[in-house]
């Protein structure tokens, strides 16, 4: 697993209980419905793109790959953003996704 960003590591050291509760909430939400891990990560990637959340786009791109999504499926999610979110948002997401898809395995960041 790639190393987490230094800022997250510092936050976690200072707020371990908050991070633990946040992760528990995420796990409960994941178990609340019928989507498999790959489907959940692709949906969350789409939401991250819509929110223009660069860190979350990186995280969910990496997690989608880990869950078995192909680079083509991830790129499709980005393309689907064009008519709904607009070309500038989709292109921004494209650059963030390609930062990870263009790197050798093990070099992705969360």
Protein backbone atom coordinates (compact mmCIF):
# COMPACT_ATOMS: atom_id res chain seq x y z
CA UNK A 1 0.00 0.00 0.00
CA UNK A 2 1.36 3.44 -0.89
CA UNK A 3 2.37 5.78 1.88
CA UNK A 4 -0.35 8.15 3.03
CA UNK A 5 0.23 11.89 2.61
CA UNK A 6 2.29 13.43 5.41
CA UNK A 7 -0.52 15.84 6.26
CA UNK A 8 -2.91 12.91 6.84
CA UNK A 9 -0.31 11.13 8.97
CA UNK A 10 0.10 14.23 11.16
CA UNK A 11 -3.67 14.67 11.45
CA UNK A 12 -4.06 11.02 12.43
CA UNK A 13 -1.35 11.27 15.10
CA UNK A 14 -3.11 14.26 16.64
CA UNK A 15 -6.68 12.98 16.15
CA UNK A 16 -6.55 9.18 16.29
CA UNK A 17 -10.08 8.83 17.70
CA UNK A 18 -11.54 11.04 14.95
CA UNK A 19 -9.82 9.02 12.22
CA UNK A 20 -10.95 5.75 13.80
CA UNK A 21 -14.58 6.97 13.93
CA UNK A 22 -14.39 8.26 10.34
CA UNK A 23 -13.07 4.91 9.12
CA UNK A 24 -15.80 3.05 11.05
CA UNK A 25 -18.45 5.26 9.43
CA UNK A 26 -16.99 4.51 6.00
CA UNK A 27 -17.05 0.78 6.70
CA UNK A 28 -20.67 0.93 7.91
CA UNK A 29 -21.71 2.81 4.78
CA UNK A 30 -19.89 0.30 2.58
CA UNK A 31 -21.78 -2.59 4.20
CA UNK A 32 -25.16 -0.81 4.01
CA UNK A 33 -25.98 -1.82 0.44
CA UNK A 34 -25.47 -4.31 -2.36
CA UNK A 35 -22.59 -2.67 -4.28
CA UNK A 36 -19.32 -4.55 -4.41
CA UNK A 37 -16.01 -2.84 -3.65
CA UNK A 38 -15.28 -2.02 -7.30
CA UNK A 39 -18.74 -0.50 -7.82
CA UNK A 40 -18.50 1.51 -4.61
CA UNK A 41 -15.12 2.93 -5.54
CA UNK A 42 -16.23 3.90 -9.04
CA UNK A 43 -19.29 5.65 -7.58
CA UNK A 44 -17.14 7.40 -4.99
CA UNK A 45 -14.72 8.41 -7.73
CA UNK A 46 -17.61 10.02 -9.60
CA UNK A 47 -18.67 11.89 -6.47
CA UNK A 48 -15.10 13.05 -5.86
CA UNK A 49 -14.92 14.33 -9.45
CA UNK A 50 -18.21 16.18 -8.97
CA UNK A 51 -16.88 17.79 -5.82
CA UNK A 52 -13.61 18.70 -7.56
CA UNK A 53 -11.79 17.01 -4.68
CA UNK A 54 -8.32 16.26 -6.02
CA UNK A 55 -7.18 14.22 -3.02
CA UNK A 56 -10.35 12.15 -3.07
CA UNK A 57 -10.01 11.58 -6.83
CA UNK A 58 -6.50 10.26 -6.20
CA UNK A 59 -7.68 8.10 -3.31
CA UNK A 60 -10.67 6.58 -5.09
CA UNK A 61 -8.73 6.04 -8.30
CA UNK A 62 -6.19 4.03 -6.32
CA UNK A 63 -8.86 2.20 -4.37
CA UNK A 64 -10.83 1.40 -7.54
CA UNK A 65 -7.72 -0.14 -9.06
CA UNK A 66 -7.15 -2.17 -5.89
CA UNK A 67 -10.78 -3.36 -6.08
CA UNK A 68 -10.32 -4.61 -9.63
CA UNK A 69 -11.42 -1.68 -11.79
CA UNK A 70 -9.51 -1.30 -15.01
CA UNK A 71 -7.86 1.93 -16.09
CA UNK A 72 -10.40 1.99 -18.94
CA UNK A 73 -13.31 1.89 -16.47
CA UNK A 74 -11.77 4.70 -14.45
CA UNK A 75 -11.27 6.78 -17.57
CA UNK A 76 -14.90 6.08 -18.50
CA UNK A 77 -16.02 7.58 -15.17
CA UNK A 78 -14.05 10.71 -16.07
CA UNK A 79 -15.64 10.86 -19.53
CA UNK A 80 -19.11 10.48 -17.98
CA UNK A 81 -18.44 13.66 -16.01
CA UNK A 82 -18.36 15.81 -19.16
CA UNK A 83 -22.12 16.18 -19.85
CA UNK A 84 -23.10 16.34 -16.19
CA UNK A 85 -20.33 18.41 -14.62
CA UNK A 86 -18.82 20.21 -17.58
CA UNK A 87 -15.68 19.98 -19.61
CA UNK A 88 -13.38 21.95 -17.24
CA UNK A 89 -14.25 19.71 -14.28
CA UNK A 90 -13.79 16.56 -16.33
CA UNK A 91 -10.43 17.73 -17.67
CA UNK A 92 -9.26 18.59 -14.16
CA UNK A 93 -10.27 15.11 -13.02
CA UNK A 94 -8.56 13.64 -16.07
CA UNK A 95 -5.26 15.21 -15.03
CA UNK A 96 -5.64 13.91 -11.46
CA UNK A 97 -6.52 10.38 -12.60
CA UNK A 98 -3.70 10.29 -15.13
CA UNK A 99 -1.23 11.25 -12.40
CA UNK A 100 -1.93 7.81 -10.96
CA UNK A 101 -2.65 5.75 -14.04
CA UNK A 102 0.55 6.96 -15.66
CA UNK A 103 2.74 5.89 -12.71
CA UNK A 104 4.29 2.45 -12.23
CA UNK A 105 2.48 0.23 -9.70
CA UNK A 106 3.25 1.05 -6.08
CA UNK A 107 3.87 4.75 -6.81
CA UNK A 108 0.28 5.91 -6.40
CA UNK A 109 -0.65 8.12 -3.48
CA UNK A 110 -3.76 8.00 -1.39
